[in-house]
Amino acid sequence: MSETAPEAAAETVAETAAEADPVAAVETAPEAAVEAPTEAPASLANPMRRRQFRPASVKSKLSADEANRQGRAVRMAFEIMGRDEARVFLNEPDEALGGRPLDVATASTDGMQAVEQALAARRGTGSQA
């Protein structure tokens, strides 16, 4: 006997199923259960395809000077007003400055000076929202 017991049992089941129902024989035949797909799945079709999610860029979008001005404005506002009031002040448009103080300070040295003056005025009069 050249076949092992499991192979012989599978063959017997397949023969019995073929006698009773040819469709069932095809569905239960051991060869049908181990066949590999003839085509690769669509997700593997192009291995050079770009990843859907790319890691965030590590390069800063601000220049060193802009980042320094932004950091200085944030630190100064937090020291003078406290965290919550500073967040509102820096992110809300200010008519006297012509925009959001954080953007104005980041954009230029003159803008940073204007934000520093606005913060100094708030320091002298107490913080106002």
N, C-alpha and C. Protein backbone atom coordinates (compact mmCIF):
# COMPACT_ATOMS: atom_id res chain seq x y z
N MET A 1 0.85 -1.18 0.00
CA MET A 1 0.00 0.00 0.00
C MET A 1 0.89 1.23 0.00
N SER A 2 0.84 2.02 -1.06
CA SER A 2 1.70 3.18 -1.20
C SER A 2 1.08 4.44 -0.62
N GLU A 3 -0.21 4.49 -0.40
CA GLU A 3 -0.89 5.66 0.13
C GLU A 3 -0.93 5.61 1.64
N THR A 4 -0.91 6.77 2.25
CA THR A 4 -1.07 6.85 3.70
C THR A 4 -2.55 6.79 4.02
N ALA A 5 -2.87 6.55 5.26
CA ALA A 5 -4.26 6.42 5.68
C ALA A 5 -5.10 7.66 5.38
N PRO A 6 -4.60 8.89 5.68
CA PRO A 6 -5.43 10.06 5.38
C PRO A 6 -5.68 10.24 3.88
N GLU A 7 -4.66 9.94 3.04
CA GLU A 7 -4.86 10.06 1.60
C GLU A 7 -5.87 9.05 1.10
N ALA A 8 -5.80 7.83 1.63
CA ALA A 8 -6.74 6.78 1.22
C ALA A 8 -8.16 7.14 1.64
N ALA A 9 -8.29 7.69 2.85
CA ALA A 9 -9.62 8.08 3.34
C ALA A 9 -10.19 9.20 2.48
N ALA A 10 -9.36 10.18 2.11
CA ALA A 10 -9.82 11.29 1.28
C ALA A 10 -10.25 10.78 -0.09
N GLU A 11 -9.50 9.81 -0.63
CA GLU A 11 -9.85 9.26 -1.94
C GLU A 11 -11.16 8.49 -1.87
N THR A 12 -11.36 7.75 -0.77
CA THR A 12 -12.60 7.00 -0.61
C THR A 12 -13.78 7.95 -0.49
N VAL A 13 -13.62 9.02 0.26
CA VAL A 13 -14.70 10.00 0.41
C VAL A 13 -15.01 10.62 -0.95
N ALA A 14 -13.98 10.96 -1.70
CA ALA A 14 -14.18 11.56 -3.01
C ALA A 14 -14.89 10.60 -3.95
N GLU A 15 -14.51 9.30 -3.94
CA GLU A 15 -15.16 8.31 -4.81
C GLU A 15 -16.62 8.12 -4.43
N THR A 16 -16.88 8.04 -3.12
CA THR A 16 -18.25 7.86 -2.65
C THR A 16 -19.10 9.06 -3.03
N ALA A 17 -18.56 10.26 -2.87
CA ALA A 17 -19.29 11.47 -3.21
C ALA A 17 -19.54 11.54 -4.71
N ALA A 18 -18.58 11.08 -5.51
CA ALA A 18 -18.74 11.11 -6.97
C ALA A 18 -19.85 10.19 -7.42
N GLU A 19 -19.97 9.06 -6.75
CA GLU A 19 -21.05 8.12 -7.10
C GLU A 19 -22.40 8.72 -6.76
N ALA A 20 -22.49 9.43 -5.63
CA ALA A 20 -23.78 9.98 -5.20
C ALA A 20 -24.11 11.27 -5.94
N ASP A 21 -23.16 12.15 -6.06
CA ASP A 21 -23.43 13.46 -6.64
C ASP A 21 -22.13 14.00 -7.25
N PRO A 22 -22.03 14.11 -8.56
CA PRO A 22 -20.79 14.57 -9.18
C PRO A 22 -20.39 16.00 -8.76
N VAL A 23 -21.36 16.87 -8.51
CA VAL A 23 -21.05 18.23 -8.09
C VAL A 23 -20.40 18.21 -6.71
N ALA A 24 -20.91 17.39 -5.81
CA ALA A 24 -20.33 17.27 -4.47
C ALA A 24 -18.92 16.71 -4.55
N ALA A 25 -18.67 15.83 -5.49
CA ALA A 25 -17.34 15.25 -5.64
C ALA A 25 -16.32 16.33 -5.99
N VAL A 26 -16.71 17.23 -6.86
CA VAL A 26 -15.80 18.31 -7.23
C VAL A 26 -15.54 19.23 -6.05
N GLU A 27 -16.59 19.51 -5.27
CA GLU A 27 -16.45 20.40 -4.13
C GLU A 27 -15.63 19.78 -3.01
N THR A 28 -15.66 18.46 -2.84
CA THR A 28 -14.96 17.81 -1.73
C THR A 28 -13.65 17.16 -2.14
N ALA A 29 -13.31 17.18 -3.40
CA ALA A 29 -12.07 16.54 -3.85
C ALA A 29 -10.87 17.24 -3.23
N PRO A 30 -9.87 16.47 -2.76
CA PRO A 30 -8.70 17.06 -2.12
C PRO A 30 -7.95 18.02 -3.03
N GLU A 31 -7.91 17.78 -4.34
CA GLU A 31 -7.18 18.66 -5.25
C GLU A 31 -7.82 20.06 -5.29
N ALA A 32 -9.13 20.11 -5.23
CA ALA A 32 -9.82 21.40 -5.29
C ALA A 32 -9.53 22.23 -4.05
N ALA A 33 -9.30 21.56 -2.93
CA ALA A 33 -9.06 22.27 -1.68
C ALA A 33 -7.66 22.87 -1.61
N VAL A 34 -6.72 22.33 -2.36
CA VAL A 34 -5.34 22.81 -2.25
C VAL A 34 -4.89 23.59 -3.47
N GLU A 35 -5.75 23.81 -4.46
CA GLU A 35 -5.35 24.57 -5.64
C GLU A 35 -5.07 26.02 -5.27
N ALA A 36 -4.01 26.55 -5.84
CA ALA A 36 -3.65 27.95 -5.63
C ALA A 36 -4.37 28.79 -6.68
N PRO A 37 -4.67 30.02 -6.37
CA PRO A 37 -5.30 30.88 -7.37
C PRO A 37 -4.35 31.08 -8.55
N THR A 38 -4.92 31.21 -9.73
CA THR A 38 -4.09 31.35 -10.93
C THR A 38 -3.59 32.77 -11.12
N GLU A 39 -4.27 33.76 -10.53
CA GLU A 39 -3.85 35.16 -10.66
C GLU A 39 -3.57 35.75 -9.28
N ALA A 40 -2.64 36.68 -9.23
CA ALA A 40 -2.34 37.36 -7.98
C ALA A 40 -3.47 38.33 -7.66
N PRO A 41 -3.75 38.54 -6.38
CA PRO A 41 -4.78 39.52 -6.01
C PRO A 41 -4.40 40.91 -6.55
N ALA A 42 -5.39 41.72 -6.75
CA ALA A 42 -5.16 43.07 -7.31
C ALA A 42 -4.21 43.88 -6.43
N SER A 43 -4.23 43.65 -5.11
CA SER A 43 -3.36 44.41 -4.22
C SER A 43 -1.88 44.08 -4.43
N LEU A 44 -1.60 42.90 -5.00
CA LEU A 44 -0.21 42.52 -5.24
C LEU A 44 0.19 42.66 -6.71
N ALA A 45 -0.73 43.10 -7.54
CA ALA A 45 -0.48 43.16 -8.97
C ALA A 45 0.64 44.13 -9.31
N ASN A 46 0.75 45.25 -8.61
CA ASN A 46 1.78 46.24 -8.90
C ASN A 46 2.56 46.53 -7.61
N PRO A 47 3.66 45.81 -7.37
CA PRO A 47 4.39 46.01 -6.12
C PRO A 47 5.06 47.38 -6.02
N MET A 48 5.21 48.10 -7.14
CA MET A 48 5.85 49.41 -7.11
C MET A 48 4.84 50.54 -6.87
N ARG A 49 3.58 50.17 -6.63
CA ARG A 49 2.53 51.15 -6.38
C ARG A 49 2.85 51.93 -5.10
N ARG A 50 2.50 53.23 -5.08
CA ARG A 50 2.76 54.07 -3.91
C ARG A 50 1.93 53.60 -2.73
N ARG A 51 2.49 53.75 -1.56
CA ARG A 51 1.73 53.44 -0.36
C ARG A 51 0.62 54.46 -0.20
N GLN A 52 -0.51 53.99 0.31
CA GLN A 52 -1.64 54.88 0.46
C GLN A 52 -1.37 55.94 1.53
N PHE A 53 -0.74 55.54 2.62
CA PHE A 53 -0.44 56.47 3.70
C PHE A 53 1.07 56.64 3.78
N ARG A 54 1.52 57.85 3.57
CA ARG A 54 2.95 58.13 3.63
C ARG A 54 3.27 58.78 4.97
N PRO A 55 4.47 58.54 5.50
CA PRO A 55 4.82 59.19 6.75
C PRO A 55 4.87 60.71 6.59
N ALA A 56 4.62 61.40 7.65
CA ALA A 56 4.63 62.85 7.63
C ALA A 56 6.03 63.34 7.29
N SER A 57 6.08 64.46 6.64
CA SER A 57 7.36 65.05 6.28
C SER A 57 8.08 65.49 7.54
N VAL A 58 9.36 65.24 7.61
CA VAL A 58 10.13 65.64 8.78
C VAL A 58 10.70 67.04 8.62
N LYS A 59 10.69 67.56 7.40
CA LYS A 59 11.21 68.89 7.17
C LYS A 59 10.17 69.93 7.60
N SER A 60 10.63 70.92 8.35
CA SER A 60 9.74 71.97 8.82
C SER A 60 9.31 72.85 7.65
N LYS A 61 8.09 73.29 7.67
CA LYS A 61 7.59 74.17 6.63
C LYS A 61 7.97 75.63 6.90
N LEU A 62 8.46 75.91 8.11
CA LEU A 62 8.90 77.26 8.47
C LEU A 62 10.42 77.34 8.38
N SER A 63 10.89 78.52 8.03
CA SER A 63 12.34 78.74 8.07
C SER A 63 12.77 78.83 9.53
N ALA A 64 14.05 78.82 9.77
CA ALA A 64 14.55 78.92 11.15
C ALA A 64 14.13 80.23 11.79
N ASP A 65 14.20 81.32 11.03
CA ASP A 65 13.80 82.63 11.57
C ASP A 65 12.31 82.66 11.91
N GLU A 66 11.50 82.11 11.01
CA GLU A 66 10.04 82.08 11.26
C GLU A 66 9.73 81.24 12.49
N ALA A 67 10.38 80.10 12.61
CA ALA A 67 10.14 79.23 13.77
C ALA A 67 10.57 79.92 15.06
N ASN A 68 11.68 80.64 15.03
CA ASN A 68 12.14 81.37 16.22
C ASN A 68 11.15 82.46 16.62
N ARG A 69 10.67 83.21 15.63
CA ARG A 69 9.69 84.27 15.94
C ARG A 69 8.40 83.66 16.49
N GLN A 70 7.96 82.59 15.90
CA GLN A 70 6.74 81.94 16.37
C GLN A 70 6.90 81.46 17.81
N GLY A 71 8.01 80.81 18.09
CA GLY A 71 8.27 80.33 19.45
C GLY A 71 8.36 81.45 20.46
N ARG A 72 9.01 82.54 20.06
CA ARG A 72 9.14 83.70 20.95
C ARG A 72 7.78 84.31 21.25
N ALA A 73 6.93 84.43 20.24
CA ALA A 73 5.59 84.99 20.43
C ALA A 73 4.75 84.10 21.36
N VAL A 74 4.84 82.81 21.17
CA VAL A 74 4.06 81.88 22.00
C VAL A 74 4.54 81.94 23.45
N ARG A 75 5.86 81.88 23.66
CA ARG A 75 6.40 81.95 25.04
C ARG A 75 5.99 83.24 25.73
N MET A 76 6.14 84.34 25.02
CA MET A 76 5.81 85.64 25.61
C MET A 76 4.32 85.71 25.98
N ALA A 77 3.46 85.25 25.07
CA ALA A 77 2.01 85.28 25.33
C ALA A 77 1.65 84.37 26.52
N PHE A 78 2.26 83.20 26.59
CA PHE A 78 1.97 82.29 27.70
C PHE A 78 2.43 82.88 29.03
N GLU A 79 3.59 83.54 29.03
CA GLU A 79 4.09 84.15 30.27
C GLU A 79 3.19 85.29 30.74
N ILE A 80 2.71 86.09 29.81
CA ILE A 80 1.91 87.27 30.17
C ILE A 80 0.47 86.90 30.49
N MET A 81 -0.13 86.02 29.70
CA MET A 81 -1.57 85.76 29.81
C MET A 81 -1.94 84.43 30.42
N GLY A 82 -1.05 83.50 30.44
CA GLY A 82 -1.43 82.15 30.84
C GLY A 82 -1.85 81.37 29.60
N ARG A 83 -1.94 80.09 29.73
CA ARG A 83 -2.14 79.21 28.59
C ARG A 83 -3.44 79.47 27.82
N ASP A 84 -4.55 79.46 28.50
CA ASP A 84 -5.84 79.56 27.80
C ASP A 84 -6.04 80.90 27.10
N GLU A 85 -5.75 81.98 27.81
CA GLU A 85 -5.92 83.31 27.20
C GLU A 85 -4.93 83.51 26.06
N ALA A 86 -3.71 82.99 26.22
CA ALA A 86 -2.70 83.12 25.16
C ALA A 86 -3.14 82.38 23.90
N ARG A 87 -3.71 81.20 24.06
CA ARG A 87 -4.17 80.43 22.90
C ARG A 87 -5.26 81.20 22.15
N VAL A 88 -6.16 81.81 22.87
CA VAL A 88 -7.22 82.60 22.23
C VAL A 88 -6.61 83.81 21.54
N PHE A 89 -5.75 84.54 22.24
CA PHE A 89 -5.14 85.74 21.68
C PHE A 89 -4.35 85.43 20.41
N LEU A 90 -3.53 84.40 20.44
CA LEU A 90 -2.66 84.08 19.31
C LEU A 90 -3.42 83.57 18.09
N ASN A 91 -4.58 82.97 18.29
CA ASN A 91 -5.30 82.33 17.18
C ASN A 91 -6.51 83.08 16.67
N GLU A 92 -6.97 84.09 17.41
CA GLU A 92 -8.11 84.88 16.96
C GLU A 92 -7.62 86.09 16.17
N PRO A 93 -8.30 86.45 15.08
CA PRO A 93 -7.90 87.64 14.32
C PRO A 93 -7.93 88.90 15.20
N ASP A 94 -6.92 89.73 15.04
CA ASP A 94 -6.82 90.99 15.79
C ASP A 94 -6.80 92.12 14.77
N GLU A 95 -7.81 92.99 14.82
CA GLU A 95 -7.91 94.08 13.84
C GLU A 95 -6.71 95.02 13.89
N ALA A 96 -6.23 95.32 15.09
CA ALA A 96 -5.10 96.25 15.23
C ALA A 96 -3.83 95.68 14.58
N LEU A 97 -3.67 94.37 14.61
CA LEU A 97 -2.49 93.73 14.02
C LEU A 97 -2.70 93.36 12.55
N GLY A 98 -3.93 93.30 12.13
CA GLY A 98 -4.23 92.96 10.74
C GLY A 98 -4.22 91.46 10.46
N GLY A 99 -4.52 90.67 11.46
CA GLY A 99 -4.57 89.22 11.27
C GLY A 99 -4.39 88.49 12.58
N ARG A 100 -4.20 87.19 12.48
CA ARG A 100 -3.95 86.41 13.70
C ARG A 100 -2.55 86.76 14.22
N PRO A 101 -2.43 87.08 15.50
CA PRO A 101 -1.12 87.45 16.03
C PRO A 101 -0.03 86.40 15.77
N LEU A 102 -0.36 85.14 15.82
CA LEU A 102 0.63 84.10 15.57
C LEU A 102 1.15 84.18 14.14
N ASP A 103 0.26 84.41 13.18
CA ASP A 103 0.68 84.54 11.77
C ASP A 103 1.47 85.82 11.55
N VAL A 104 1.03 86.91 12.18
CA VAL A 104 1.70 88.20 12.02
C VAL A 104 3.12 88.12 12.57
N ALA A 105 3.28 87.52 13.74
CA ALA A 105 4.60 87.39 14.37
C ALA A 105 5.52 86.49 13.55
N THR A 106 4.98 85.43 12.99
CA THR A 106 5.77 84.49 12.23
C THR A 106 6.22 85.07 10.90
N ALA A 107 5.41 85.91 10.29
CA ALA A 107 5.65 86.40 8.93
C ALA A 107 6.87 87.31 8.80
N SER A 108 7.10 88.19 9.78
CA SER A 108 8.20 89.16 9.61
C SER A 108 8.67 89.67 10.97
N THR A 109 9.83 90.31 10.94
CA THR A 109 10.38 90.92 12.15
C THR A 109 9.50 92.07 12.61
N ASP A 110 9.00 92.86 11.65
CA ASP A 110 8.09 93.96 12.00
C ASP A 110 6.82 93.43 12.64
N GLY A 111 6.31 92.33 12.11
CA GLY A 111 5.11 91.71 12.68
C GLY A 111 5.36 91.22 14.10
N MET A 112 6.55 90.66 14.33
CA MET A 112 6.89 90.20 15.67
C MET A 112 6.94 91.37 16.64
N GLN A 113 7.51 92.48 16.19
CA GLN A 113 7.56 93.67 17.05
C GLN A 113 6.16 94.18 17.37
N ALA A 114 5.25 94.15 16.40
CA ALA A 114 3.87 94.59 16.64
C ALA A 114 3.19 93.68 17.66
N VAL A 115 3.40 92.37 17.56
CA VAL A 115 2.81 91.44 18.53
C VAL A 115 3.42 91.65 19.90
N GLU A 116 4.74 91.87 19.98
CA GLU A 116 5.37 92.15 21.27
C GLU A 116 4.78 93.40 21.91
N GLN A 117 4.55 94.44 21.09
CA GLN A 117 3.95 95.68 21.62
C GLN A 117 2.52 95.43 22.12
N ALA A 118 1.76 94.64 21.39
CA ALA A 118 0.38 94.31 21.82
C ALA A 118 0.40 93.53 23.12
N LEU A 119 1.36 92.61 23.25
CA LEU A 119 1.46 91.83 24.48
C LEU A 119 1.94 92.71 25.64
N ALA A 120 2.87 93.63 25.37
CA ALA A 120 3.36 94.54 26.42
C ALA A 120 2.21 95.45 26.90
N ALA A 121 1.38 95.87 25.99
CA ALA A 121 0.22 96.69 26.37
C ALA A 121 -0.73 95.89 27.25
N ARG A 122 -0.91 94.64 26.94
CA ARG A 122 -1.77 93.80 27.78
C ARG A 122 -1.15 93.57 29.14
N ARG A 123 0.17 93.47 29.18
CA ARG A 123 0.86 93.27 30.46
C ARG A 123 0.65 94.49 31.36
N GLY A 124 0.74 95.68 30.76
CA GLY A 124 0.60 96.92 31.52
C GLY A 124 -0.82 97.16 32.01
N THR A 125 -1.82 96.72 31.25
CA THR A 125 -3.22 96.96 31.62
C THR A 125 -3.88 95.73 32.23
N GLY A 126 -3.16 94.66 32.35
CA GLY A 126 -3.77 93.41 32.78
C GLY A 126 -4.31 92.72 31.54
N SER A 127 -4.43 91.43 31.56
CA SER A 127 -4.85 90.72 30.34
C SER A 127 -6.34 90.88 30.10
N GLN A 128 -6.66 91.12 28.82
CA GLN A 128 -8.05 91.25 28.38
C GLN A 128 -8.26 90.27 27.26
N ALA A 129 -9.41 89.63 27.20
CA ALA A 129 -9.67 88.67 26.14
C ALA A 129 -10.34 89.25 24.96
